[in-house]
């Protein structure tokens, strides 16, 4: 049987891809390659304790209201939330600490809900 080996990508539809890519570059340092309008996350770039998670939630979950949410690993959740606020992100929440690390949330200028995760450093 063929098996999934890794997460291959996350794709958003947006009215102005260049503008939204520039926003992520400016406010979260996301390096977007012009030749394919994307950012490559190699496993070797993950911080200690970082990983990609695929998870299903019950339809009535209140963890997020959308059908899906994107989670980015960051090196400083609190700092990233300040940066996105300066970039006019909305509905900012966090940071919230739990045994899995530190989390924060925001809505980007195109209306996409995003979760930020800083893995715990004691792994």
PDB file of N, CA and C in Angstrom:
ATOM      1  N   UNK A   1       0.837  -1.184   0.000  1.00  0.00           N
ATOM      2  CA  UNK A   1       0.000   0.000   0.000  1.00  0.00           C
ATOM      3  C   UNK A   1       0.882   1.248   0.000  1.00  0.00           C
ATOM      4  N   UNK A   2       0.576   2.209  -0.842  1.00  0.00           N
ATOM      5  CA  UNK A   2       1.271   3.494  -0.834  1.00  0.00           C
ATOM      6  C   UNK A   2       0.873   4.260   0.422  1.00  0.00           C
ATOM      7  N   UNK A   3       1.803   5.039   0.970  1.00  0.00           N
ATOM      8  CA  UNK A   3       1.548   5.758   2.222  1.00  0.00           C
ATOM      9  C   UNK A   3       1.941   7.213   2.097  1.00  0.00           C
ATOM     10  N   UNK A   4       1.231   8.059   2.799  1.00  0.00           N
ATOM     11  CA  UNK A   4       1.603   9.466   2.904  1.00  0.00           C
ATOM     12  C   UNK A   4       2.900   9.546   3.689  1.00  0.00           C
ATOM     13  N   UNK A   5       3.832  10.375   3.221  1.00  0.00           N
ATOM     14  CA  UNK A   5       5.122  10.514   3.900  1.00  0.00           C
ATOM     15  C   UNK A   5       5.297  11.846   4.614  1.00  0.00           C
ATOM     16  N   UNK A   6       4.604  12.884   4.169  1.00  0.00           N
ATOM     17  CA  UNK A   6       4.763  14.197   4.801  1.00  0.00           C
ATOM     18  C   UNK A   6       3.681  15.130   4.284  1.00  0.00           C
ATOM     19  N   UNK A   7       3.519  16.247   4.927  1.00  0.00           N
ATOM     20  CA  UNK A   7       2.628  17.293   4.464  1.00  0.00           C
ATOM     21  C   UNK A   7       3.270  17.969   3.265  1.00  0.00           C
ATOM     22  N   UNK A   8       2.562  18.031   2.155  1.00  0.00           N
ATOM     23  CA  UNK A   8       3.126  18.583   0.927  1.00  0.00           C
ATOM     24  C   UNK A   8       2.907  20.061   0.750  1.00  0.00           C
ATOM     25  N   UNK A   9       1.949  20.652   1.416  1.00  0.00           N
ATOM     26  CA  UNK A   9       1.740  22.074   1.261  1.00  0.00           C
ATOM     27  C   UNK A   9       0.421  22.540   1.822  1.00  0.00           C
ATOM     28  N   UNK A  10       0.314  23.835   1.964  1.00  0.00           N
ATOM     29  CA  UNK A  10      -0.909  24.512   2.378  1.00  0.00           C
ATOM     30  C   UNK A  10      -1.145  25.593   1.342  1.00  0.00           C
ATOM     31  N   UNK A  11      -2.363  25.675   0.822  1.00  0.00           N
ATOM     32  CA  UNK A  11      -2.641  26.584  -0.277  1.00  0.00           C
ATOM     33  C   UNK A  11      -3.842  27.453   0.053  1.00  0.00           C
ATOM     34  N   UNK A  12      -3.684  28.765  -0.111  1.00  0.00           N
ATOM     35  CA  UNK A  12      -4.754  29.734   0.113  1.00  0.00           C
ATOM     36  C   UNK A  12      -5.186  30.312  -1.219  1.00  0.00           C
ATOM     37  N   UNK A  13      -6.450  30.618  -1.358  1.00  0.00           N
ATOM     38  CA  UNK A  13      -6.914  31.475  -2.438  1.00  0.00           C
ATOM     39  C   UNK A  13      -6.984  32.891  -1.877  1.00  0.00           C
ATOM     40  N   UNK A  14      -6.551  33.864  -2.657  1.00  0.00           N
ATOM     41  CA  UNK A  14      -6.614  35.250  -2.223  1.00  0.00           C
ATOM     42  C   UNK A  14      -6.665  36.159  -3.436  1.00  0.00           C
ATOM     43  N   UNK A  15      -7.280  37.303  -3.277  1.00  0.00           N
ATOM     44  CA  UNK A  15      -7.459  38.233  -4.396  1.00  0.00           C
ATOM     45  C   UNK A  15      -6.142  38.798  -4.908  1.00  0.00           C
ATOM     46  N   UNK A  16      -5.166  38.968  -4.034  1.00  0.00           N
ATOM     47  CA  UNK A  16      -3.891  39.586  -4.423  1.00  0.00           C
ATOM     48  C   UNK A  16      -2.726  38.787  -3.820  1.00  0.00           C
ATOM     49  N   UNK A  17      -2.324  37.681  -4.460  1.00  0.00           N
ATOM     50  CA  UNK A  17      -1.267  36.827  -3.915  1.00  0.00           C
ATOM     51  C   UNK A  17       0.049  37.567  -3.654  1.00  0.00           C
ATOM     52  N   UNK A  18       0.450  38.464  -4.542  1.00  0.00           N
ATOM     53  CA  UNK A  18       1.715  39.180  -4.351  1.00  0.00           C
ATOM     54  C   UNK A  18       1.683  40.044  -3.096  1.00  0.00           C
ATOM     55  N   UNK A  19       0.573  40.732  -2.879  1.00  0.00           N
ATOM     56  CA  UNK A  19       0.445  41.593  -1.705  1.00  0.00           C
ATOM     57  C   UNK A  19       0.438  40.775  -0.416  1.00  0.00           C
ATOM     58  N   UNK A  20      -0.298  39.669  -0.407  1.00  0.00           N
ATOM     59  CA  UNK A  20      -0.350  38.847   0.808  1.00  0.00           C
ATOM     60  C   UNK A  20       1.001  38.185   1.074  1.00  0.00           C
ATOM     61  N   UNK A  21       1.696  37.749   0.026  1.00  0.00           N
ATOM     62  CA  UNK A  21       3.041  37.183   0.193  1.00  0.00           C
ATOM     63  C   UNK A  21       3.977  38.234   0.786  1.00  0.00           C
ATOM     64  N   UNK A  22       3.891  39.475   0.304  1.00  0.00           N
ATOM     65  CA  UNK A  22       4.727  40.561   0.840  1.00  0.00           C
ATOM     66  C   UNK A  22       4.390  40.825   2.300  1.00  0.00           C
ATOM     67  N   UNK A  23       3.112  40.724   2.678  1.00  0.00           N
ATOM     68  CA  UNK A  23       2.706  40.932   4.067  1.00  0.00           C
ATOM     69  C   UNK A  23       3.348  39.874   4.967  1.00  0.00           C
ATOM     70  N   UNK A  24       3.293  38.605   4.573  1.00  0.00           N
ATOM     71  CA  UNK A  24       3.905  37.544   5.371  1.00  0.00           C
ATOM     72  C   UNK A  24       5.428  37.714   5.445  1.00  0.00           C
ATOM     73  N   UNK A  25       6.037  38.166   4.376  1.00  0.00           N
ATOM     74  CA  UNK A  25       7.483  38.423   4.388  1.00  0.00           C
ATOM     75  C   UNK A  25       7.801  39.546   5.374  1.00  0.00           C
ATOM     76  N   UNK A  26       7.063  40.640   5.299  1.00  0.00           N
ATOM     77  CA  UNK A  26       7.340  41.804   6.146  1.00  0.00           C
ATOM     78  C   UNK A  26       7.065  41.546   7.619  1.00  0.00           C
ATOM     79  N   UNK A  27       5.978  40.870   7.935  1.00  0.00           N
ATOM     80  CA  UNK A  27       5.558  40.765   9.331  1.00  0.00           C
ATOM     81  C   UNK A  27       5.920  39.460  10.023  1.00  0.00           C
ATOM     82  N   UNK A  28       6.294  38.419   9.257  1.00  0.00           N
ATOM     83  CA  UNK A  28       6.686  37.154   9.874  1.00  0.00           C
ATOM     84  C   UNK A  28       7.948  36.551   9.265  1.00  0.00           C
ATOM     85  N   UNK A  29       8.592  37.282   8.355  1.00  0.00           N
ATOM     86  CA  UNK A  29       9.858  36.822   7.792  1.00  0.00           C
ATOM     87  C   UNK A  29       9.740  35.595   6.904  1.00  0.00           C
ATOM     88  N   UNK A  30       8.573  35.358   6.335  1.00  0.00           N
ATOM     89  CA  UNK A  30       8.372  34.192   5.490  1.00  0.00           C
ATOM     90  C   UNK A  30       8.980  34.458   4.122  1.00  0.00           C
ATOM     91  N   UNK A  31      10.017  33.721   3.785  1.00  0.00           N
ATOM     92  CA  UNK A  31      10.687  33.897   2.504  1.00  0.00           C
ATOM     93  C   UNK A  31       9.913  33.214   1.391  1.00  0.00           C
ATOM     94  N   UNK A  32       9.308  33.986   0.527  1.00  0.00           N
ATOM     95  CA  UNK A  32       8.493  33.452  -0.555  1.00  0.00           C
ATOM     96  C   UNK A  32       9.291  33.528  -1.851  1.00  0.00           C
ATOM     97  N   UNK A  33       9.482  32.390  -2.492  1.00  0.00           N
ATOM     98  CA  UNK A  33      10.218  32.334  -3.757  1.00  0.00           C
ATOM     99  C   UNK A  33       9.323  32.814  -4.889  1.00  0.00           C
ATOM    100  N   UNK A  34       9.824  33.720  -5.691  1.00  0.00           N
ATOM    101  CA  UNK A  34       9.024  34.300  -6.768  1.00  0.00           C
ATOM    102  C   UNK A  34       8.716  33.297  -7.873  1.00  0.00           C
ATOM    103  N   UNK A  35       9.587  32.312  -8.078  1.00  0.00           N
ATOM    104  CA  UNK A  35       9.379  31.399  -9.207  1.00  0.00           C
ATOM    105  C   UNK A  35       8.205  30.444  -9.019  1.00  0.00           C
ATOM    106  N   UNK A  36       7.761  30.236  -7.793  1.00  0.00           N
ATOM    107  CA  UNK A  36       6.595  29.376  -7.594  1.00  0.00           C
ATOM    108  C   UNK A  36       5.650  29.910  -6.518  1.00  0.00           C
ATOM    109  N   UNK A  37       5.805  31.163  -6.150  1.00  0.00           N
ATOM    110  CA  UNK A  37       4.904  31.817  -5.183  1.00  0.00           C
ATOM    111  C   UNK A  37       4.698  30.983  -3.922  1.00  0.00           C
ATOM    112  N   UNK A  38       5.742  30.450  -3.392  1.00  0.00           N
ATOM    113  CA  UNK A  38       5.612  29.647  -2.195  1.00  0.00           C
ATOM    114  C   UNK A  38       6.835  29.738  -1.315  1.00  0.00           C
ATOM    115  N   UNK A  39       6.732  29.173  -0.127  1.00  0.00           N
ATOM    116  CA  UNK A  39       7.838  29.096   0.818  1.00  0.00           C
ATOM    117  C   UNK A  39       8.088  27.631   1.122  1.00  0.00           C
ATOM    118  N   UNK A  40       9.330  27.220   1.064  1.00  0.00           N
ATOM    119  CA  UNK A  40       9.707  25.839   1.299  1.00  0.00           C
ATOM    120  C   UNK A  40      10.166  25.681   2.744  1.00  0.00           C
ATOM    121  N   UNK A  41       9.574  24.731   3.464  1.00  0.00           N
ATOM    122  CA  UNK A  41       9.958  24.427   4.835  1.00  0.00           C
ATOM    123  C   UNK A  41      10.606  23.052   4.861  1.00  0.00           C
ATOM    124  N   UNK A  42      11.908  22.998   4.881  1.00  0.00           N
ATOM    125  CA  UNK A  42      12.622  21.737   4.934  1.00  0.00           C
ATOM    126  C   UNK A  42      12.646  21.228   6.372  1.00  0.00           C
ATOM    127  N   UNK A  43      12.482  19.914   6.586  1.00  0.00           N
ATOM    128  CA  UNK A  43      12.546  19.387   7.955  1.00  0.00           C
ATOM    129  C   UNK A  43      13.829  19.773   8.690  1.00  0.00           C
ATOM    130  N   UNK A  44      14.914  19.981   7.978  1.00  0.00           N
ATOM    131  CA  UNK A  44      16.161  20.372   8.638  1.00  0.00           C
ATOM    132  C   UNK A  44      16.082  21.774   9.241  1.00  0.00           C
ATOM    133  N   UNK A  45      15.089  22.568   8.829  1.00  0.00           N
ATOM    134  CA  UNK A  45      14.910  23.912   9.367  1.00  0.00           C
ATOM    135  C   UNK A  45      14.051  23.926  10.629  1.00  0.00           C
ATOM    136  N   UNK A  46      13.400  22.821  10.937  1.00  0.00           N
ATOM    137  CA  UNK A  46      12.520  22.792  12.102  1.00  0.00           C
ATOM    138  C   UNK A  46      13.336  23.011  13.371  1.00  0.00           C
ATOM    139  N   UNK A  47      12.796  23.754  14.329  1.00  0.00           N
ATOM    140  CA  UNK A  47      13.487  23.892  15.609  1.00  0.00           C
ATOM    141  C   UNK A  47      13.405  22.580  16.389  1.00  0.00           C
ATOM    142  N   UNK A  48      14.249  22.444  17.371  1.00  0.00           N
ATOM    143  CA  UNK A  48      14.195  21.256  18.226  1.00  0.00           C
ATOM    144  C   UNK A  48      12.783  21.126  18.795  1.00  0.00           C
ATOM    145  N   UNK A  49      12.221  19.970  18.696  1.00  0.00           N
ATOM    146  CA  UNK A  49      10.875  19.726  19.199  1.00  0.00           C
ATOM    147  C   UNK A  49       9.783  20.051  18.197  1.00  0.00           C
ATOM    148  N   UNK A  50      10.135  20.618  17.037  1.00  0.00           N
ATOM    149  CA  UNK A  50       9.140  20.961  16.033  1.00  0.00           C
ATOM    150  C   UNK A  50       8.802  19.770  15.147  1.00  0.00           C
ATOM    151  N   UNK A  51       7.590  19.731  14.663  1.00  0.00           N
ATOM    152  CA  UNK A  51       7.153  18.671  13.771  1.00  0.00           C
ATOM    153  C   UNK A  51       5.905  19.153  13.034  1.00  0.00           C
ATOM    154  N   UNK A  52       5.506  18.433  12.006  1.00  0.00           N
ATOM    155  CA  UNK A  52       4.267  18.729  11.304  1.00  0.00           C
ATOM    156  C   UNK A  52       3.198  17.769  11.813  1.00  0.00           C
ATOM    157  N   UNK A  53       2.047  18.307  12.131  1.00  0.00           N
ATOM    158  CA  UNK A  53       0.953  17.508  12.679  1.00  0.00           C
ATOM    159  C   UNK A  53      -0.230  17.541  11.729  1.00  0.00           C
ATOM    160  N   UNK A  54      -0.819  16.394  11.469  1.00  0.00           N
ATOM    161  CA  UNK A  54      -2.081  16.291  10.747  1.00  0.00           C
ATOM    162  C   UNK A  54      -3.077  15.781  11.756  1.00  0.00           C
ATOM    163  N   UNK A  55      -4.173  16.536  11.958  1.00  0.00           N
ATOM    164  CA  UNK A  55      -5.110  16.169  13.012  1.00  0.00           C
ATOM    165  C   UNK A  55      -6.531  16.490  12.584  1.00  0.00           C
ATOM    166  N   UNK A  56      -7.461  15.680  13.023  1.00  0.00           N
ATOM    167  CA  UNK A  56      -8.874  15.894  12.753  1.00  0.00           C
ATOM    168  C   UNK A  56      -9.577  16.342  14.032  1.00  0.00           C
ATOM    169  N   UNK A  57     -10.500  17.275  13.882  1.00  0.00           N
ATOM    170  CA  UNK A  57     -11.285  17.785  15.002  1.00  0.00           C
ATOM    171  C   UNK A  57     -12.760  17.462  14.744  1.00  0.00           C
ATOM    172  N   UNK A  58     -13.543  17.263  15.782  1.00  0.00           N
ATOM    173  CA  UNK A  58     -14.983  17.064  15.581  1.00  0.00           C
ATOM    174  C   UNK A  58     -15.605  18.300  14.934  1.00  0.00           C
ATOM    175  N   UNK A  59     -16.647  18.112  14.149  1.00  0.00           N
ATOM    176  CA  UNK A  59     -17.311  19.211  13.454  1.00  0.00           C
ATOM    177  C   UNK A  59     -17.770  20.304  14.413  1.00  0.00           C
ATOM    178  N   UNK A  60     -18.143  19.948  15.648  1.00  0.00           N
ATOM    179  CA  UNK A  60     -18.633  20.935  16.608  1.00  0.00           C
ATOM    180  C   UNK A  60     -17.530  21.501  17.514  1.00  0.00           C
ATOM    181  N   UNK A  61     -16.271  21.272  17.175  1.00  0.00           N
ATOM    182  CA  UNK A  61     -15.155  21.802  17.957  1.00  0.00           C
ATOM    183  C   UNK A  61     -15.201  23.329  17.975  1.00  0.00           C
ATOM    184  N   UNK A  62     -14.862  23.905  19.107  1.00  0.00           N
ATOM    185  CA  UNK A  62     -14.774  25.370  19.205  1.00  0.00           C
ATOM    186  C   UNK A  62     -13.330  25.847  19.153  1.00  0.00           C
ATOM    187  N   UNK A  63     -12.387  24.942  18.882  1.00  0.00           N
ATOM    188  CA  UNK A  63     -10.971  25.333  18.811  1.00  0.00           C
ATOM    189  C   UNK A  63     -10.740  26.337  17.692  1.00  0.00           C
ATOM    190  N   UNK A  64     -11.418  26.163  16.557  1.00  0.00           N
ATOM    191  CA  UNK A  64     -11.400  27.135  15.475  1.00  0.00           C
ATOM    192  C   UNK A  64     -12.739  27.069  14.752  1.00  0.00           C
ATOM    193  N   UNK A  65     -13.161  28.202  14.187  1.00  0.00           N
ATOM    194  CA  UNK A  65     -14.481  28.295  13.570  1.00  0.00           C
ATOM    195  C   UNK A  65     -14.477  27.901  12.093  1.00  0.00           C
ATOM    196  N   UNK A  66     -13.342  28.015  11.438  1.00  0.00           N
ATOM    197  CA  UNK A  66     -13.234  27.737  10.018  1.00  0.00           C
ATOM    198  C   UNK A  66     -13.219  26.230   9.766  1.00  0.00           C
ATOM    199  N   UNK A  67     -13.269  25.845   8.504  1.00  0.00           N
ATOM    200  CA  UNK A  67     -13.173  24.426   8.176  1.00  0.00           C
ATOM    201  C   UNK A  67     -11.758  23.903   8.381  1.00  0.00           C
ATOM    202  N   UNK A  68     -10.767  24.795   8.313  1.00  0.00           N
ATOM    203  CA  UNK A  68      -9.382  24.405   8.565  1.00  0.00           C
ATOM    204  C   UNK A  68      -8.627  25.611   9.116  1.00  0.00           C
ATOM    205  N   UNK A  69      -7.483  25.355   9.696  1.00  0.00           N
ATOM    206  CA  UNK A  69      -6.612  26.424  10.187  1.00  0.00           C
ATOM    207  C   UNK A  69      -5.180  26.026   9.866  1.00  0.00           C
ATOM    208  N   UNK A  70      -4.377  26.997   9.508  1.00  0.00           N
ATOM    209  CA  UNK A  70      -2.967  26.762   9.203  1.00  0.00           C
ATOM    210  C   UNK A  70      -2.155  27.074  10.445  1.00  0.00           C
ATOM    211  N   UNK A  71      -1.186  26.221  10.737  1.00  0.00           N
ATOM    212  CA  UNK A  71      -0.311  26.397  11.892  1.00  0.00           C
ATOM    213  C   UNK A  71       1.118  26.567  11.387  1.00  0.00           C
ATOM    214  N   UNK A  72       1.758  27.674  11.798  1.00  0.00           N
ATOM    215  CA  UNK A  72       3.162  27.915  11.474  1.00  0.00           C
ATOM    216  C   UNK A  72       4.003  27.790  12.736  1.00  0.00           C
ATOM    217  N   UNK A  73       5.140  27.100  12.654  1.00  0.00           N
ATOM    218  CA  UNK A  73       6.109  27.074  13.750  1.00  0.00           C
ATOM    219  C   UNK A  73       6.868  28.391  13.721  1.00  0.00           C
ATOM    220  N   UNK A  74       6.992  29.042  14.877  1.00  0.00           N
ATOM    221  CA  UNK A  74       7.734  30.299  14.980  1.00  0.00           C
ATOM    222  C   UNK A  74       8.738  30.204  16.124  1.00  0.00           C
ATOM    223  N   UNK A  75       9.714  31.113  16.115  1.00  0.00           N
ATOM    224  CA  UNK A  75      10.718  31.115  17.181  1.00  0.00           C
ATOM    225  C   UNK A  75      10.317  31.980  18.367  1.00  0.00           C
ATOM    226  N   UNK A  76       9.262  32.800  18.229  1.00  0.00           N
ATOM    227  CA  UNK A  76       8.845  33.705  19.298  1.00  0.00           C
ATOM    228  C   UNK A  76       7.385  34.074  19.071  1.00  0.00           C
ATOM    229  N   UNK A  77       6.463  33.358  19.694  1.00  0.00           N
ATOM    230  CA  UNK A  77       5.036  33.613  19.492  1.00  0.00           C
ATOM    231  C   UNK A  77       4.675  35.038  19.906  1.00  0.00           C
ATOM    232  N   UNK A  78       5.105  35.465  21.082  1.00  0.00           N
ATOM    233  CA  UNK A  78       4.743  36.804  21.552  1.00  0.00           C
ATOM    234  C   UNK A  78       5.247  37.880  20.588  1.00  0.00           C
ATOM    235  N   UNK A  79       6.488  37.753  20.149  1.00  0.00           N
ATOM    236  CA  UNK A  79       7.049  38.715  19.208  1.00  0.00           C
ATOM    237  C   UNK A  79       6.330  38.689  17.875  1.00  0.00           C
ATOM    238  N   UNK A  80       5.987  37.500  17.397  1.00  0.00           N
ATOM    239  CA  UNK A  80       5.275  37.383  16.122  1.00  0.00           C
ATOM    240  C   UNK A  80       3.896  38.031  16.202  1.00  0.00           C
ATOM    241  N   UNK A  81       3.216  37.886  17.335  1.00  0.00           N
ATOM    242  CA  UNK A  81       1.897  38.498  17.487  1.00  0.00           C
ATOM    243  C   UNK A  81       1.996  40.026  17.477  1.00  0.00           C
ATOM    244  N   UNK A  82       3.036  40.566  18.071  1.00  0.00           N
ATOM    245  CA  UNK A  82       3.259  42.023  18.010  1.00  0.00           C
ATOM    246  C   UNK A  82       3.464  42.450  16.555  1.00  0.00           C
ATOM    247  N   UNK A  83       4.279  41.706  15.831  1.00  0.00           N
ATOM    248  CA  UNK A  83       4.580  42.043  14.440  1.00  0.00           C
ATOM    249  C   UNK A  83       3.336  42.021  13.564  1.00  0.00           C
ATOM    250  N   UNK A  84       2.500  40.996  13.706  1.00  0.00           N
ATOM    251  CA  UNK A  84       1.313  40.927  12.857  1.00  0.00           C
ATOM    252  C   UNK A  84       0.296  42.001  13.246  1.00  0.00           C
ATOM    253  N   UNK A  85       0.268  42.347  14.532  1.00  0.00           N
ATOM    254  CA  UNK A  85      -0.613  43.441  14.961  1.00  0.00           C
ATOM    255  C   UNK A  85      -0.186  44.745  14.299  1.00  0.00           C
ATOM    256  N   UNK A  86       1.113  44.993  14.244  1.00  0.00           N
ATOM    257  CA  UNK A  86       1.618  46.183  13.567  1.00  0.00           C
ATOM    258  C   UNK A  86       1.277  46.159  12.084  1.00  0.00           C
ATOM    259  N   UNK A  87       1.086  44.973  11.536  1.00  0.00           N
ATOM    260  CA  UNK A  87       0.719  44.811  10.135  1.00  0.00           C
ATOM    261  C   UNK A  87      -0.782  44.755   9.911  1.00  0.00           C
ATOM    262  N   UNK A  88      -1.548  45.168  10.914  1.00  0.00           N
ATOM    263  CA  UNK A  88      -3.010  45.245  10.813  1.00  0.00           C
ATOM    264  C   UNK A  88      -3.707  43.894  10.749  1.00  0.00           C
ATOM    265  N   UNK A  89      -3.084  42.845  11.281  1.00  0.00           N
ATOM    266  CA  UNK A  89      -3.801  41.583  11.451  1.00  0.00           C
ATOM    267  C   UNK A  89      -4.909  41.819  12.475  1.00  0.00           C
ATOM    268  N   UNK A  90      -5.930  40.998  12.438  1.00  0.00           N
ATOM    269  CA  UNK A  90      -7.063  41.170  13.347  1.00  0.00           C
ATOM    270  C   UNK A  90      -7.270  39.920  14.184  1.00  0.00           C
ATOM    271  N   UNK A  91      -8.189  40.041  15.137  1.00  0.00           N
ATOM    272  CA  UNK A  91      -8.604  38.923  15.988  1.00  0.00           C
ATOM    273  C   UNK A  91      -7.408  38.189  16.582  1.00  0.00           C
ATOM    274  N   UNK A  92      -6.482  38.960  17.147  1.00  0.00           N
ATOM    275  CA  UNK A  92      -5.242  38.409  17.696  1.00  0.00           C
ATOM    276  C   UNK A  92      -5.499  37.871  19.099  1.00  0.00           C
ATOM    277  N   UNK A  93      -5.030  36.648  19.345  1.00  0.00           N
ATOM    278  CA  UNK A  93      -5.167  36.015  20.665  1.00  0.00           C
ATOM    279  C   UNK A  93      -3.847  35.362  21.033  1.00  0.00           C
ATOM    280  N   UNK A  94      -3.532  35.379  22.314  1.00  0.00           N
ATOM    281  CA  UNK A  94      -2.331  34.706  22.793  1.00  0.00           C
ATOM    282  C   UNK A  94      -1.296  35.702  23.260  1.00  0.00           C
ATOM    283  N   UNK A  95      -0.149  35.200  23.649  1.00  0.00           N
ATOM    284  CA  UNK A  95       0.225  33.788  23.636  1.00  0.00           C
ATOM    285  C   UNK A  95      -0.424  33.001  24.776  1.00  0.00           C
ATOM    286  N   UNK A  96      -0.649  31.731  24.495  1.00  0.00           N
ATOM    287  CA  UNK A  96      -1.192  30.791  25.463  1.00  0.00           C
ATOM    288  C   UNK A  96      -0.155  29.692  25.638  1.00  0.00           C
ATOM    289  N   UNK A  97       0.226  29.443  26.876  1.00  0.00           N
ATOM    290  CA  UNK A  97       1.194  28.389  27.181  1.00  0.00           C
ATOM    291  C   UNK A  97       0.468  27.113  27.576  1.00  0.00           C
ATOM    292  N   UNK A  98       0.933  26.003  27.043  1.00  0.00           N
ATOM    293  CA  UNK A  98       0.447  24.700  27.499  1.00  0.00           C
ATOM    294  C   UNK A  98       1.598  23.709  27.376  1.00  0.00           C
ATOM    295  N   UNK A  99       1.428  22.462  27.789  1.00  0.00           N
ATOM    296  CA  UNK A  99       2.537  21.512  27.753  1.00  0.00           C
ATOM    297  C   UNK A  99       3.139  21.313  26.359  1.00  0.00           C
ATOM    298  N   UNK A 100       2.370  21.600  25.295  1.00  0.00           N
ATOM    299  CA  UNK A 100       2.873  21.440  23.928  1.00  0.00           C
ATOM    300  C   UNK A 100       3.653  22.650  23.440  1.00  0.00           C
ATOM    301  N   UNK A 101       3.684  23.720  24.213  1.00  0.00           N
ATOM    302  CA  UNK A 101       4.415  24.921  23.816  1.00  0.00           C
ATOM    303  C   UNK A 101       3.580  26.165  23.992  1.00  0.00           C
ATOM    304  N   UNK A 102       3.886  27.164  23.182  1.00  0.00           N
ATOM    305  CA  UNK A 102       3.194  28.450  23.230  1.00  0.00           C
ATOM    306  C   UNK A 102       2.437  28.641  21.911  1.00  0.00           C
ATOM    307  N   UNK A 103       1.212  29.145  22.002  1.00  0.00           N
ATOM    308  CA  UNK A 103       0.357  29.302  20.831  1.00  0.00           C
ATOM    309  C   UNK A 103      -0.177  30.726  20.738  1.00  0.00           C
ATOM    310  N   UNK A 104      -0.430  31.156  19.530  1.00  0.00           N
ATOM    311  CA  UNK A 104      -1.073  32.435  19.272  1.00  0.00           C
ATOM    312  C   UNK A 104      -1.877  32.326  17.990  1.00  0.00           C
ATOM    313  N   UNK A 105      -2.834  33.236  17.814  1.00  0.00           N
ATOM    314  CA  UNK A 105      -3.715  33.189  16.651  1.00  0.00           C
ATOM    315  C   UNK A 105      -3.943  34.593  16.119  1.00  0.00           C
ATOM    316  N   UNK A 106      -4.181  34.684  14.808  1.00  0.00           N
ATOM    317  CA  UNK A 106      -4.550  35.948  14.188  1.00  0.00           C
ATOM    318  C   UNK A 106      -5.262  35.662  12.874  1.00  0.00           C
ATOM    319  N   UNK A 107      -5.890  36.709  12.338  1.00  0.00           N
ATOM    320  CA  UNK A 107      -6.487  36.643  11.013  1.00  0.00           C
ATOM    321  C   UNK A 107      -5.690  37.579  10.117  1.00  0.00           C
ATOM    322  N   UNK A 108      -5.201  37.049   8.986  1.00  0.00           N
ATOM    323  CA  UNK A 108      -4.364  37.853   8.097  1.00  0.00           C
ATOM    324  C   UNK A 108      -5.218  38.835   7.291  1.00  0.00           C
ATOM    325  N   UNK A 109      -4.589  39.762   6.562  1.00  0.00           N
ATOM    326  CA  UNK A 109      -5.356  40.774   5.838  1.00  0.00           C
ATOM    327  C   UNK A 109      -6.330  40.219   4.800  1.00  0.00           C
ATOM    328  N   UNK A 110      -6.136  38.987   4.350  1.00  0.00           N
ATOM    329  CA  UNK A 110      -7.053  38.382   3.380  1.00  0.00           C
ATOM    330  C   UNK A 110      -8.158  37.570   4.058  1.00  0.00           C
ATOM    331  N   UNK A 111      -8.159  37.527   5.405  1.00  0.00           N
ATOM    332  CA  UNK A 111      -9.210  36.834   6.138  1.00  0.00           C
ATOM    333  C   UNK A 111      -8.917  35.394   6.509  1.00  0.00           C
ATOM    334  N   UNK A 112      -7.679  34.924   6.340  1.00  0.00           N
ATOM    335  CA  UNK A 112      -7.317  33.549   6.704  1.00  0.00           C
ATOM    336  C   UNK A 112      -6.945  33.485   8.183  1.00  0.00           C
ATOM    337  N   UNK A 113      -7.496  32.509   8.873  1.00  0.00           N
ATOM    338  CA  UNK A 113      -7.182  32.304  10.282  1.00  0.00           C
ATOM    339  C   UNK A 113      -5.879  31.511  10.361  1.00  0.00           C
ATOM    340  N   UNK A 114      -4.943  31.970  11.189  1.00  0.00           N
ATOM    341  CA  UNK A 114      -3.615  31.362  11.299  1.00  0.00           C
ATOM    342  C   UNK A 114      -3.294  31.122  12.773  1.00  0.00           C
ATOM    343  N   UNK A 115      -2.691  29.967  13.041  1.00  0.00           N
ATOM    344  CA  UNK A 115      -2.212  29.641  14.378  1.00  0.00           C
ATOM    345  C   UNK A 115      -0.687  29.642  14.342  1.00  0.00           C
ATOM    346  N   UNK A 116      -0.076  30.198  15.372  1.00  0.00           N
ATOM    347  CA  UNK A 116       1.378  30.178  15.527  1.00  0.00           C
ATOM    348  C   UNK A 116       1.720  29.249  16.677  1.00  0.00           C
ATOM    349  N   UNK A 117       2.804  28.494  16.505  1.00  0.00           N
ATOM    350  CA  UNK A 117       3.222  27.541  17.542  1.00  0.00           C
ATOM    351  C   UNK A 117       4.713  27.666  17.771  1.00  0.00           C
ATOM    352  N   UNK A 118       5.085  27.814  19.026  1.00  0.00           N
ATOM    353  CA  UNK A 118       6.471  27.776  19.454  1.00  0.00           C
ATOM    354  C   UNK A 118       6.645  26.527  20.311  1.00  0.00           C
ATOM    355  N   UNK A 119       7.356  25.517  19.791  1.00  0.00           N
ATOM    356  CA  UNK A 119       7.508  24.277  20.560  1.00  0.00           C
ATOM    357  C   UNK A 119       8.211  24.544  21.888  1.00  0.00           C
ATOM    358  N   UNK A 120       7.943  23.717  22.883  1.00  0.00           N
ATOM    359  CA  UNK A 120       8.659  23.879  24.157  1.00  0.00           C
ATOM    360  C   UNK A 120      10.158  23.593  23.947  1.00  0.00           C
ATOM    361  N   UNK A 121      10.979  24.257  24.695  1.00  0.00           N
ATOM    362  CA  UNK A 121      12.434  24.097  24.526  1.00  0.00           C
ATOM    363  C   UNK A 121      13.008  23.002  25.399  1.00  0.00           C
ATOM    364  N   UNK A 122      12.206  22.367  26.225  1.00  0.00           N
ATOM    365  CA  UNK A 122      12.717  21.345  27.147  1.00  0.00           C
ATOM    366  C   UNK A 122      12.609  19.933  26.584  1.00  0.00           C
ATOM    367  N   UNK A 123      12.387  19.791  25.275  1.00  0.00           N
ATOM    368  CA  UNK A 123      12.304  18.443  24.672  1.00  0.00           C
ATOM    369  C   UNK A 123      13.671  17.854  24.465  1.00  0.00           C
TER     370      UNK A 123
END
